[in-house]
Amino acid sequence: MQPFTVTLQLADRLLAEQALWLNPGELYGQPGFLRINLATQHDRLNEATRRLIQGLSSHL
């Protein structure tokens, strides 16, 4: 598997594989970072965290 060169690629992959919407830092002039919206219910945050960990661990 190819490493990610920009967070835009990582955000696209997490959307496709884990149904997670993360804003890549490139959109805000901060390459190398992801922006996560935390304005939701705790159970949804727990599920999103689980999917984020799963998605990231499959690409390490």
C-alpha atoms as a PDB file:
ATOM      1  CA  MET A   1       0.000   0.000   0.000  1.00  0.00           C
ATOM      2  CA  GLN A   2       1.290   3.454  -0.907  1.00  0.00           C
ATOM      3  CA  PRO A   3       1.852   5.975   1.904  1.00  0.00           C
ATOM      4  CA  PHE A   4      -0.211   9.135   1.798  1.00  0.00           C
ATOM      5  CA  THR A   5       1.596  12.216   0.553  1.00  0.00           C
ATOM      6  CA  VAL A   6      -1.126  14.689   1.531  1.00  0.00           C
ATOM      7  CA  THR A   7      -3.945  14.580   4.030  1.00  0.00           C
ATOM      8  CA  LEU A   8      -6.389  15.122   1.166  1.00  0.00           C
ATOM      9  CA  GLN A   9      -5.656  11.563   0.042  1.00  0.00           C
ATOM     10  CA  LEU A  10      -6.102  10.235   3.558  1.00  0.00           C
ATOM     11  CA  ALA A  11      -9.406  12.072   3.993  1.00  0.00           C
ATOM     12  CA  ASP A  12     -10.658  10.654   0.685  1.00  0.00           C
ATOM     13  CA  ARG A  13      -9.641   7.130   1.695  1.00  0.00           C
ATOM     14  CA  LEU A  14     -11.295   7.377   5.121  1.00  0.00           C
ATOM     15  CA  LEU A  15     -14.482   8.631   3.489  1.00  0.00           C
ATOM     16  CA  ALA A  16     -14.512   5.758   1.012  1.00  0.00           C
ATOM     17  CA  GLU A  17     -13.508   3.002   3.434  1.00  0.00           C
ATOM     18  CA  GLN A  18     -14.944   4.098   6.780  1.00  0.00           C
ATOM     19  CA  ALA A  19     -17.701   6.577   5.833  1.00  0.00           C
ATOM     20  CA  LEU A  20     -15.891   9.292   7.833  1.00  0.00           C
ATOM     21  CA  TRP A  21     -15.986  12.910   6.698  1.00  0.00           C
ATOM     22  CA  LEU A  22     -12.775  14.674   7.732  1.00  0.00           C
ATOM     23  CA  ASN A  23     -11.600  18.003   6.362  1.00  0.00           C
ATOM     24  CA  PRO A  24      -8.028  17.828   5.087  1.00  0.00           C
ATOM     25  CA  GLY A  25      -5.696  20.526   6.338  1.00  0.00           C
ATOM     26  CA  GLU A  26      -4.932  21.590   2.765  1.00  0.00           C
ATOM     27  CA  LEU A  27      -8.344  23.280   2.702  1.00  0.00           C
ATOM     28  CA  TYR A  28      -7.208  25.575   5.528  1.00  0.00           C
ATOM     29  CA  GLY A  29      -3.580  26.084   4.552  1.00  0.00           C
ATOM     30  CA  GLN A  30      -2.461  23.459   7.103  1.00  0.00           C
ATOM     31  CA  PRO A  31      -1.212  20.438   5.141  1.00  0.00           C
ATOM     32  CA  GLY A  32      -0.500  17.397   7.264  1.00  0.00           C
ATOM     33  CA  PHE A  33      -3.514  17.919   9.544  1.00  0.00           C
ATOM     34  CA  LEU A  34      -7.129  16.736   9.562  1.00  0.00           C
ATOM     35  CA  ARG A  35     -10.012  18.759  10.968  1.00  0.00           C
ATOM     36  CA  ILE A  36     -12.640  16.773  12.870  1.00  0.00           C
ATOM     37  CA  ASN A  37     -16.086  18.117  13.742  1.00  0.00           C
ATOM     38  CA  LEU A  38     -17.008  17.142  17.305  1.00  0.00           C
ATOM     39  CA  ALA A  39     -20.472  18.720  17.364  1.00  0.00           C
ATOM     40  CA  THR A  40     -22.570  15.570  17.656  1.00  0.00           C
ATOM     41  CA  GLN A  41     -23.872  13.082  20.206  1.00  0.00           C
ATOM     42  CA  HIS A  42     -21.451  11.039  22.322  1.00  0.00           C
ATOM     43  CA  ASP A  43     -22.532   7.689  20.866  1.00  0.00           C
ATOM     44  CA  ARG A  44     -21.836   8.965  17.351  1.00  0.00           C
ATOM     45  CA  LEU A  45     -18.435  10.271  18.453  1.00  0.00           C
ATOM     46  CA  ASN A  46     -17.610   6.890  19.948  1.00  0.00           C
ATOM     47  CA  GLU A  47     -18.537   5.130  16.709  1.00  0.00           C
ATOM     48  CA  ALA A  48     -16.590   7.658  14.611  1.00  0.00           C
ATOM     49  CA  THR A  49     -13.559   7.220  16.859  1.00  0.00           C
ATOM     50  CA  ARG A  50     -13.739   3.459  16.435  1.00  0.00           C
ATOM     51  CA  ARG A  51     -13.912   3.809  12.640  1.00  0.00           C
ATOM     52  CA  LEU A  52     -11.099   6.383  12.605  1.00  0.00           C
ATOM     53  CA  ILE A  53      -8.814   4.072  14.582  1.00  0.00           C
ATOM     54  CA  GLN A  54      -9.733   1.156  12.327  1.00  0.00           C
ATOM     55  CA  GLY A  55      -9.144   3.211   9.183  1.00  0.00           C
ATOM     56  CA  LEU A  56      -5.822   4.622  10.326  1.00  0.00           C
ATOM     57  CA  SER A  57      -4.505   1.302  11.632  1.00  0.00           C
ATOM     58  CA  SER A  58      -5.122  -0.337   8.255  1.00  0.00           C
ATOM     59  CA  HIS A  59      -2.782   2.200   6.626  1.00  0.00           C
ATOM     60  CA  LEU A  60       0.156   2.139   9.041  1.00  0.00           C
END
